[in-house]
């Protein structure tokens, strides 16, 4: 059973997540030959102050 954990900044709409889930599920089924019921996708919405790249929080001015 493939399980995807998607981490992204908060603010995406439910419709955007719905579309992404459908697209990922469709592609996974085609490539891996699995049924849609076996594909799980877990979205983790992250605040920019809880994510850093190159030692700098994304909430800080760039």
PDB file of N, CA and C in Angstrom:
ATOM      1  N   UNK A   1       0.843  -1.170   0.000  1.00  0.00           N
ATOM      2  CA  UNK A   1       0.000   0.000   0.000  1.00  0.00           C
ATOM      3  C   UNK A   1       0.891   1.237   0.000  1.00  0.00           C
ATOM      4  N   UNK A   2       0.940   1.993  -1.085  1.00  0.00           N
ATOM      5  CA  UNK A   2       1.738   3.221  -1.093  1.00  0.00           C
ATOM      6  C   UNK A   2       1.085   4.293  -0.221  1.00  0.00           C
ATOM      7  N   UNK A   3       1.890   4.933   0.596  1.00  0.00           N
ATOM      8  CA  UNK A   3       1.429   6.048   1.408  1.00  0.00           C
ATOM      9  C   UNK A   3       2.346   7.234   1.152  1.00  0.00           C
ATOM     10  N   UNK A   4       1.748   8.349   0.789  1.00  0.00           N
ATOM     11  CA  UNK A   4       2.496   9.578   0.537  1.00  0.00           C
ATOM     12  C   UNK A   4       2.256  10.544   1.685  1.00  0.00           C
ATOM     13  N   UNK A   5       3.334  11.136   2.191  1.00  0.00           N
ATOM     14  CA  UNK A   5       3.247  12.201   3.177  1.00  0.00           C
ATOM     15  C   UNK A   5       3.686  13.479   2.470  1.00  0.00           C
ATOM     16  N   UNK A   6       2.771  14.424   2.348  1.00  0.00           N
ATOM     17  CA  UNK A   6       3.043  15.668   1.639  1.00  0.00           C
ATOM     18  C   UNK A   6       3.128  16.786   2.670  1.00  0.00           C
ATOM     19  N   UNK A   7       4.284  17.411   2.755  1.00  0.00           N
ATOM     20  CA  UNK A   7       4.460  18.554   3.651  1.00  0.00           C
ATOM     21  C   UNK A   7       4.563  19.800   2.794  1.00  0.00           C
ATOM     22  N   UNK A   8       3.749  20.795   3.143  1.00  0.00           N
ATOM     23  CA  UNK A   8       3.750  22.046   2.392  1.00  0.00           C
ATOM     24  C   UNK A   8       3.254  23.158   3.299  1.00  0.00           C
ATOM     25  N   UNK A   9       3.563  24.378   2.895  1.00  0.00           N
ATOM     26  CA  UNK A   9       3.095  25.514   3.684  1.00  0.00           C
ATOM     27  C   UNK A   9       1.576  25.525   3.707  1.00  0.00           C
ATOM     28  N   UNK A  10       1.029  25.922   4.844  1.00  0.00           N
ATOM     29  CA  UNK A  10      -0.411  26.037   4.970  1.00  0.00           C
ATOM     30  C   UNK A  10      -0.935  27.087   3.989  1.00  0.00           C
ATOM     31  N   UNK A  11      -2.208  27.007   3.691  1.00  0.00           N
ATOM     32  CA  UNK A  11      -2.819  28.002   2.825  1.00  0.00           C
ATOM     33  C   UNK A  11      -3.399  27.437   1.541  1.00  0.00           C
ATOM     34  N   UNK A  12      -3.077  26.179   1.231  1.00  0.00           N
ATOM     35  CA  UNK A  12      -3.688  25.577   0.036  1.00  0.00           C
ATOM     36  C   UNK A  12      -5.146  25.283   0.343  1.00  0.00           C
ATOM     37  N   UNK A  13      -5.997  25.421  -0.656  1.00  0.00           N
ATOM     38  CA  UNK A  13      -7.423  25.174  -0.456  1.00  0.00           C
ATOM     39  C   UNK A  13      -7.713  23.674  -0.443  1.00  0.00           C
ATOM     40  N   UNK A  14      -8.883  23.338   0.058  1.00  0.00           N
ATOM     41  CA  UNK A  14      -9.323  21.945   0.042  1.00  0.00           C
ATOM     42  C   UNK A  14      -9.413  21.460  -1.404  1.00  0.00           C
ATOM     43  N   UNK A  15      -9.866  22.318  -2.303  1.00  0.00           N
ATOM     44  CA  UNK A  15      -9.971  21.927  -3.710  1.00  0.00           C
ATOM     45  C   UNK A  15      -8.596  21.630  -4.311  1.00  0.00           C
ATOM     46  N   UNK A  16      -7.586  22.404  -3.983  1.00  0.00           N
ATOM     47  CA  UNK A  16      -6.229  22.138  -4.474  1.00  0.00           C
ATOM     48  C   UNK A  16      -5.731  20.787  -3.953  1.00  0.00           C
ATOM     49  N   UNK A  17      -5.977  20.509  -2.691  1.00  0.00           N
ATOM     50  CA  UNK A  17      -5.566  19.225  -2.113  1.00  0.00           C
ATOM     51  C   UNK A  17      -6.335  18.079  -2.762  1.00  0.00           C
ATOM     52  N   UNK A  18      -7.618  18.300  -3.014  1.00  0.00           N
ATOM     53  CA  UNK A  18      -8.439  17.283  -3.681  1.00  0.00           C
ATOM     54  C   UNK A  18      -7.878  16.952  -5.058  1.00  0.00           C
ATOM     55  N   UNK A  19      -7.528  17.984  -5.823  1.00  0.00           N
ATOM     56  CA  UNK A  19      -6.985  17.786  -7.166  1.00  0.00           C
ATOM     57  C   UNK A  19      -5.630  17.083  -7.122  1.00  0.00           C
ATOM     58  N   UNK A  20      -4.779  17.484  -6.184  1.00  0.00           N
ATOM     59  CA  UNK A  20      -3.470  16.849  -6.056  1.00  0.00           C
ATOM     60  C   UNK A  20      -3.626  15.378  -5.663  1.00  0.00           C
ATOM     61  N   UNK A  21      -4.524  15.101  -4.724  1.00  0.00           N
ATOM     62  CA  UNK A  21      -4.756  13.716  -4.303  1.00  0.00           C
ATOM     63  C   UNK A  21      -5.231  12.865  -5.477  1.00  0.00           C
ATOM     64  N   UNK A  22      -6.133  13.397  -6.280  1.00  0.00           N
ATOM     65  CA  UNK A  22      -6.640  12.646  -7.433  1.00  0.00           C
ATOM     66  C   UNK A  22      -5.532  12.385  -8.452  1.00  0.00           C
ATOM     67  N   UNK A  23      -4.718  13.397  -8.724  1.00  0.00           N
ATOM     68  CA  UNK A  23      -3.634  13.251  -9.710  1.00  0.00           C
ATOM     69  C   UNK A  23      -2.573  12.259  -9.227  1.00  0.00           C
ATOM     70  N   UNK A  24      -2.184  12.355  -7.961  1.00  0.00           N
ATOM     71  CA  UNK A  24      -1.189  11.427  -7.420  1.00  0.00           C
ATOM     72  C   UNK A  24      -1.713   9.996  -7.403  1.00  0.00           C
ATOM     73  N   UNK A  25      -2.977   9.832  -7.044  1.00  0.00           N
ATOM     74  CA  UNK A  25      -3.569   8.497  -7.013  1.00  0.00           C
ATOM     75  C   UNK A  25      -3.617   7.898  -8.413  1.00  0.00           C
ATOM     76  N   UNK A  26      -4.048   8.680  -9.387  1.00  0.00           N
ATOM     77  CA  UNK A  26      -4.131   8.186 -10.761  1.00  0.00           C
ATOM     78  C   UNK A  26      -2.761   7.762 -11.287  1.00  0.00           C
ATOM     79  N   UNK A  27      -1.755   8.593 -11.073  1.00  0.00           N
ATOM     80  CA  UNK A  27      -0.410   8.268 -11.540  1.00  0.00           C
ATOM     81  C   UNK A  27       0.154   7.047 -10.825  1.00  0.00           C
ATOM     82  N   UNK A  28      -0.048   6.971  -9.522  1.00  0.00           N
ATOM     83  CA  UNK A  28       0.450   5.833  -8.751  1.00  0.00           C
ATOM     84  C   UNK A  28      -0.172   4.524  -9.243  1.00  0.00           C
ATOM     85  N   UNK A  29      -1.457   4.554  -9.519  1.00  0.00           N
ATOM     86  CA  UNK A  29      -2.138   3.354 -10.012  1.00  0.00           C
ATOM     87  C   UNK A  29      -1.582   2.923 -11.363  1.00  0.00           C
ATOM     88  N   UNK A  30      -1.337   3.881 -12.240  1.00  0.00           N
ATOM     89  CA  UNK A  30      -0.792   3.566 -13.565  1.00  0.00           C
ATOM     90  C   UNK A  30       0.618   2.997 -13.471  1.00  0.00           C
ATOM     91  N   UNK A  31       1.454   3.630 -12.684  1.00  0.00           N
ATOM     92  CA  UNK A  31       2.863   3.246 -12.622  1.00  0.00           C
ATOM     93  C   UNK A  31       3.074   1.966 -11.816  1.00  0.00           C
ATOM     94  N   UNK A  32       2.399   1.842 -10.685  1.00  0.00           N
ATOM     95  CA  UNK A  32       2.624   0.695  -9.800  1.00  0.00           C
ATOM     96  C   UNK A  32       1.629  -0.444 -10.000  1.00  0.00           C
ATOM     97  N   UNK A  33       0.582  -0.184 -10.773  1.00  0.00           N
ATOM     98  CA  UNK A  33      -0.405  -1.226 -11.010  1.00  0.00           C
ATOM     99  C   UNK A  33      -1.210  -1.594  -9.782  1.00  0.00           C
ATOM    100  N   UNK A  34      -1.546  -0.601  -8.973  1.00  0.00           N
ATOM    101  CA  UNK A  34      -2.338  -0.849  -7.770  1.00  0.00           C
ATOM    102  C   UNK A  34      -3.727  -0.237  -7.936  1.00  0.00           C
ATOM    103  N   UNK A  35      -4.629  -0.633  -7.068  1.00  0.00           N
ATOM    104  CA  UNK A  35      -5.986  -0.081  -7.068  1.00  0.00           C
ATOM    105  C   UNK A  35      -6.011   1.234  -6.274  1.00  0.00           C
ATOM    106  N   UNK A  36      -6.902   2.149  -6.645  1.00  0.00           N
ATOM    107  CA  UNK A  36      -6.977   3.428  -5.934  1.00  0.00           C
ATOM    108  C   UNK A  36      -7.182   3.282  -4.427  1.00  0.00           C
ATOM    109  N   UNK A  37      -7.897   2.240  -4.017  1.00  0.00           N
ATOM    110  CA  UNK A  37      -8.164   2.031  -2.586  1.00  0.00           C
ATOM    111  C   UNK A  37      -6.898   1.756  -1.787  1.00  0.00           C
ATOM    112  N   UNK A  38      -5.823   1.412  -2.459  1.00  0.00           N
ATOM    113  CA  UNK A  38      -4.587   1.098  -1.733  1.00  0.00           C
ATOM    114  C   UNK A  38      -3.658   2.304  -1.614  1.00  0.00           C
ATOM    115  N   UNK A  39      -4.039   3.439  -2.183  1.00  0.00           N
ATOM    116  CA  UNK A  39      -3.184   4.632  -2.163  1.00  0.00           C
ATOM    117  C   UNK A  39      -3.663   5.584  -1.065  1.00  0.00           C
ATOM    118  N   UNK A  40      -2.777   5.889  -0.129  1.00  0.00           N
ATOM    119  CA  UNK A  40      -3.072   6.849   0.935  1.00  0.00           C
ATOM    120  C   UNK A  40      -2.205   8.085   0.754  1.00  0.00           C
ATOM    121  N   UNK A  41      -2.808   9.247   0.990  1.00  0.00           N
ATOM    122  CA  UNK A  41      -2.088  10.517   0.905  1.00  0.00           C
ATOM    123  C   UNK A  41      -2.410  11.300   2.176  1.00  0.00           C
ATOM    124  N   UNK A  42      -1.366  11.717   2.874  1.00  0.00           N
ATOM    125  CA  UNK A  42      -1.527  12.465   4.116  1.00  0.00           C
ATOM    126  C   UNK A  42      -0.904  13.841   3.920  1.00  0.00           C
ATOM    127  N   UNK A  43      -1.722  14.869   4.070  1.00  0.00           N
ATOM    128  CA  UNK A  43      -1.233  16.240   3.934  1.00  0.00           C
ATOM    129  C   UNK A  43      -0.864  16.796   5.305  1.00  0.00           C
ATOM    130  N   UNK A  44       0.306  17.400   5.377  1.00  0.00           N
ATOM    131  CA  UNK A  44       0.768  18.069   6.593  1.00  0.00           C
ATOM    132  C   UNK A  44       0.929  19.548   6.248  1.00  0.00           C
ATOM    133  N   UNK A  45       0.050  20.380   6.794  1.00  0.00           N
ATOM    134  CA  UNK A  45       0.169  21.822   6.588  1.00  0.00           C
ATOM    135  C   UNK A  45       1.135  22.380   7.628  1.00  0.00           C
ATOM    136  N   UNK A  46       2.139  23.094   7.145  1.00  0.00           N
ATOM    137  CA  UNK A  46       3.193  23.613   8.015  1.00  0.00           C
ATOM    138  C   UNK A  46       3.204  25.134   7.959  1.00  0.00           C
ATOM    139  N   UNK A  47       3.271  25.752   9.116  1.00  0.00           N
ATOM    140  CA  UNK A  47       3.401  27.214   9.162  1.00  0.00           C
ATOM    141  C   UNK A  47       4.823  27.581   8.748  1.00  0.00           C
ATOM    142  N   UNK A  48       4.999  28.685   8.028  1.00  0.00           N
ATOM    143  CA  UNK A  48       6.341  29.087   7.592  1.00  0.00           C
ATOM    144  C   UNK A  48       7.337  29.255   8.739  1.00  0.00           C
ATOM    145  N   UNK A  49       6.851  29.598   9.942  1.00  0.00           N
ATOM    146  CA  UNK A  49       7.783  29.757  11.072  1.00  0.00           C
ATOM    147  C   UNK A  49       8.265  28.417  11.604  1.00  0.00           C
ATOM    148  N   UNK A  50       7.691  27.320  11.104  1.00  0.00           N
ATOM    149  CA  UNK A  50       8.116  25.989  11.514  1.00  0.00           C
ATOM    150  C   UNK A  50       8.912  25.272  10.433  1.00  0.00           C
ATOM    151  N   UNK A  51       9.424  26.022   9.460  1.00  0.00           N
ATOM    152  CA  UNK A  51      10.170  25.437   8.343  1.00  0.00           C
ATOM    153  C   UNK A  51      11.361  26.346   8.067  1.00  0.00           C
ATOM    154  N   UNK A  52      12.540  25.757   7.985  1.00  0.00           N
ATOM    155  CA  UNK A  52      13.745  26.541   7.703  1.00  0.00           C
ATOM    156  C   UNK A  52      14.518  25.891   6.565  1.00  0.00           C
ATOM    157  N   UNK A  53      15.139  26.717   5.760  1.00  0.00           N
ATOM    158  CA  UNK A  53      16.028  26.265   4.700  1.00  0.00           C
ATOM    159  C   UNK A  53      17.301  27.097   4.782  1.00  0.00           C
ATOM    160  N   UNK A  54      18.425  26.444   4.694  1.00  0.00           N
ATOM    161  CA  UNK A  54      19.724  27.120   4.782  1.00  0.00           C
ATOM    162  C   UNK A  54      19.842  27.946   6.070  1.00  0.00           C
ATOM    163  N   UNK A  55      19.266  27.418   7.141  1.00  0.00           N
ATOM    164  CA  UNK A  55      19.389  28.080   8.442  1.00  0.00           C
ATOM    165  C   UNK A  55      18.484  29.276   8.647  1.00  0.00           C
ATOM    166  N   UNK A  56      17.534  29.511   7.743  1.00  0.00           N
ATOM    167  CA  UNK A  56      16.676  30.676   7.845  1.00  0.00           C
ATOM    168  C   UNK A  56      15.203  30.243   7.780  1.00  0.00           C
ATOM    169  N   UNK A  57      14.423  30.745   8.758  1.00  0.00           N
ATOM    170  CA  UNK A  57      12.992  30.434   8.765  1.00  0.00           C
ATOM    171  C   UNK A  57      12.325  31.090   7.555  1.00  0.00           C
ATOM    172  N   UNK A  58      11.355  30.386   6.996  1.00  0.00           N
ATOM    173  CA  UNK A  58      10.640  30.930   5.838  1.00  0.00           C
ATOM    174  C   UNK A  58       9.762  32.112   6.231  1.00  0.00           C
ATOM    175  N   UNK A  59       9.451  32.259   7.512  1.00  0.00           N
ATOM    176  CA  UNK A  59       8.655  33.395   7.976  1.00  0.00           C
ATOM    177  C   UNK A  59       9.493  34.666   8.070  1.00  0.00           C
ATOM    178  N   UNK A  60      10.823  34.531   8.067  1.00  0.00           N
ATOM    179  CA  UNK A  60      11.694  35.708   8.122  1.00  0.00           C
ATOM    180  C   UNK A  60      11.745  36.394   6.746  1.00  0.00           C
ATOM    181  N   UNK A  61      11.947  37.711   6.765  1.00  0.00           N
ATOM    182  CA  UNK A  61      12.054  38.421   5.468  1.00  0.00           C
ATOM    183  C   UNK A  61      13.181  37.841   4.626  1.00  0.00           C
ATOM    184  N   UNK A  62      12.970  37.782   3.355  1.00  0.00           N
ATOM    185  CA  UNK A  62      13.962  37.230   2.417  1.00  0.00           C
ATOM    186  C   UNK A  62      14.650  38.325   1.664  1.00  0.00           C
TER     187      UNK A  62
END
